[in-house]
Protein backbone atom coordinates (compact mmCIF):
# COMPACT_ATOMS: atom_id res chain seq x y z
CA MET A 1 0.00 0.00 0.00
CA GLU A 2 1.29 3.47 -0.85
CA SER A 3 2.94 5.13 2.15
CA PRO A 4 5.21 8.17 1.56
CA GLY A 5 8.59 7.97 3.30
CA VAL A 6 8.42 4.21 3.91
CA MET A 7 10.51 1.57 2.13
CA SER A 8 9.66 -2.14 1.99
CA LEU A 9 12.50 -4.65 1.55
CA TRP A 10 12.77 -8.18 0.19
CA LEU A 11 15.94 -10.28 0.09
CA GLY A 12 16.21 -13.30 -2.12
CA HIS A 13 18.19 -15.78 -4.08
CA PHE A 14 18.05 -16.01 -7.87
CA ALA A 15 20.14 -18.07 -10.28
CA THR A 16 21.00 -15.06 -12.47
CA LYS A 17 20.47 -11.31 -12.76
CA GLU A 18 18.23 -12.01 -15.76
CA LYS A 19 15.98 -14.23 -13.63
CA LEU A 20 15.61 -11.40 -11.09
CA GLU A 21 14.74 -8.94 -13.86
CA GLU A 22 12.19 -11.34 -15.37
CA TYR A 23 10.66 -11.80 -11.92
CA ILE A 24 9.84 -8.12 -11.46
CA GLU A 25 9.04 -7.31 -15.10
CA VAL A 26 5.52 -6.14 -15.89
CA GLU A 27 4.41 -7.32 -19.31
CA PHE A 28 1.56 -6.38 -21.62
CA ASN A 29 -1.00 -8.56 -23.37
CA GLU A 30 -2.10 -8.16 -27.01
CA GLU A 31 -4.70 -5.54 -26.03
CA GLY A 32 -2.05 -3.44 -24.29
CA ASP A 33 -3.23 -4.24 -20.76
CA ARG A 34 -0.58 -4.68 -18.08
CA ILE A 35 0.01 -8.15 -16.68
CA ARG A 36 1.21 -8.35 -13.07
CA SER A 37 4.79 -9.48 -12.61
CA LEU A 38 5.63 -12.78 -10.91
CA PHE A 39 6.76 -10.72 -7.92
CA MET A 40 3.38 -9.01 -7.72
CA ARG A 41 1.56 -12.33 -8.03
CA ASP A 42 3.75 -14.11 -5.47
CA PHE A 43 3.22 -11.38 -2.86
CA LYS A 44 -0.43 -10.69 -3.79
CA MET A 45 0.09 -7.09 -4.92
CA GLY A 46 -1.74 -5.11 -7.56
CA PHE A 47 -0.79 -2.11 -9.66
CA SER A 48 -2.28 0.24 -7.09
CA ASP A 49 -0.04 -1.12 -4.29
CA TYR A 50 3.16 0.57 -5.46
CA ASP A 51 4.70 2.78 -8.13
CA GLU A 52 6.87 0.66 -10.45
CA ASP A 53 9.24 3.62 -10.89
CA LEU A 54 10.08 3.47 -7.16
CA LEU A 55 11.32 -0.13 -7.22
CA GLU A 56 15.07 -0.73 -6.94
CA LYS A 57 16.73 -4.08 -7.44
CA THR A 58 20.29 -5.30 -7.03
CA PHE A 59 21.91 -8.63 -7.80
CA LYS A 60 25.17 -9.98 -6.40
CA GLU A 61 27.12 -12.68 -8.22
CA GLU A 62 28.09 -14.14 -4.85
CA ALA A 63 25.51 -14.55 -2.10
CA THR A 64 26.27 -12.93 1.23
CA SER A 65 24.78 -12.81 4.72
CA SER A 66 26.10 -9.26 5.28
CA LEU A 67 23.30 -6.71 5.37
CA GLU A 68 25.85 -3.98 4.67
CA ARG A 69 27.01 -5.68 1.46
CA LEU A 70 23.47 -6.50 0.36
CA LEU A 71 22.26 -2.92 0.82
CA GLN A 72 25.43 -1.10 -0.28
CA ASN A 73 23.95 0.20 -3.55
CA ILE A 74 20.42 1.17 -2.53
CA SER A 75 19.12 4.68 -2.06
CA TYR A 76 18.99 6.08 1.49
CA LYS A 77 21.35 3.33 2.60
CA GLU A 78 22.46 4.98 5.83
CA LYS A 79 18.93 5.44 7.18
CA ILE A 80 17.70 2.07 6.00
CA LEU A 81 20.70 -0.06 6.97
CA SER A 82 20.77 1.04 10.60
CA GLN A 83 17.10 0.16 11.08
CA PHE A 84 17.47 -3.33 9.62
CA VAL A 85 20.73 -3.93 11.52
CA SER A 86 19.04 -3.02 14.80
CA HIS A 87 16.40 -5.66 14.06
CA TYR A 88 18.42 -8.46 12.40
CA GLY A 89 22.05 -7.72 13.28
CA ILE A 90 24.79 -6.98 10.75
CA GLU A 91 24.96 -10.65 9.66
CA LEU A 92 21.84 -12.55 8.62
CA GLN A 93 21.34 -16.22 9.37
CA GLU A 94 21.28 -17.07 5.67
CA SER A 95 22.88 -15.74 2.51
CA PHE A 96 21.12 -13.84 -0.27
CA ASN A 97 22.16 -12.45 -3.65
CA ALA A 98 19.19 -10.25 -4.57
CA VAL A 99 17.53 -7.17 -3.12
CA ILE A 100 14.17 -5.65 -4.01
CA ALA A 101 13.35 -2.32 -2.37
CA ILE A 102 10.14 -0.41 -3.00
CA TYR A 103 9.99 3.19 -1.83
CA ASP A 104 6.85 4.97 -0.61
CA THR A 105 5.26 1.59 0.02
CA GLN A 106 4.23 -0.22 3.19
CA TYR A 107 3.73 -3.88 2.26
CA ASP A 108 0.73 -5.40 4.04
CA GLU A 109 2.54 -8.69 4.74
CA GLU A 110 -0.05 -10.91 3.12
CA LYS A 111 2.80 -13.29 2.42
CA ASP A 112 6.26 -13.12 3.97
CA GLU A 113 8.16 -15.68 1.91
CA VAL A 114 8.12 -17.41 -1.47
CA SER A 115 10.21 -20.48 -2.24
CA LEU A 116 10.03 -22.08 -5.66
CA GLN A 117 12.50 -24.05 -7.73
CA ASP A 118 14.14 -21.05 -9.39
CA ARG A 119 13.74 -18.40 -6.69
CA ARG A 120 13.45 -17.68 -2.99
CA LEU A 121 12.36 -14.31 -1.64
CA VAL A 122 11.77 -13.16 1.93
CA TYR A 123 9.99 -10.01 3.03
CA MET A 124 12.27 -8.40 5.63
CA GLY A 125 10.07 -5.50 6.70
CA SER A 126 9.31 -1.85 6.10
CA VAL A 127 11.20 1.12 7.53
CA VAL A 128 10.98 4.90 7.40
CA TYR A 129 13.60 6.38 5.08
CA GLU A 130 12.32 9.95 4.87
CA GLU A 131 10.12 11.97 7.19
């Protein structure tokens, strides 16, 4: 759900950067209507839940359990990192190689994790990045 100043974060594991990009890609049918991405379907989100232009993604060739390394290239890193570190610690209990961050969105937590053959994604929470 749209929420100015709030960022929602997912960490995951994908085989390749291309698989991550395919996962979040919104496609169009023959009539020109948008088709929800796999990400949107997995986490039960619609087009009104977030602005696609405010989604950031990063992919690491090597998985890591370091929150600092995972979040090193996202916007508002300093504000966001400290909030997640205070909740999870600097090292996570498992390693990830993908980050999806959506700004101005408070995810409603309908689903907190998706595990399928080619992907695993965990909703880590939402934090305030801008007041």
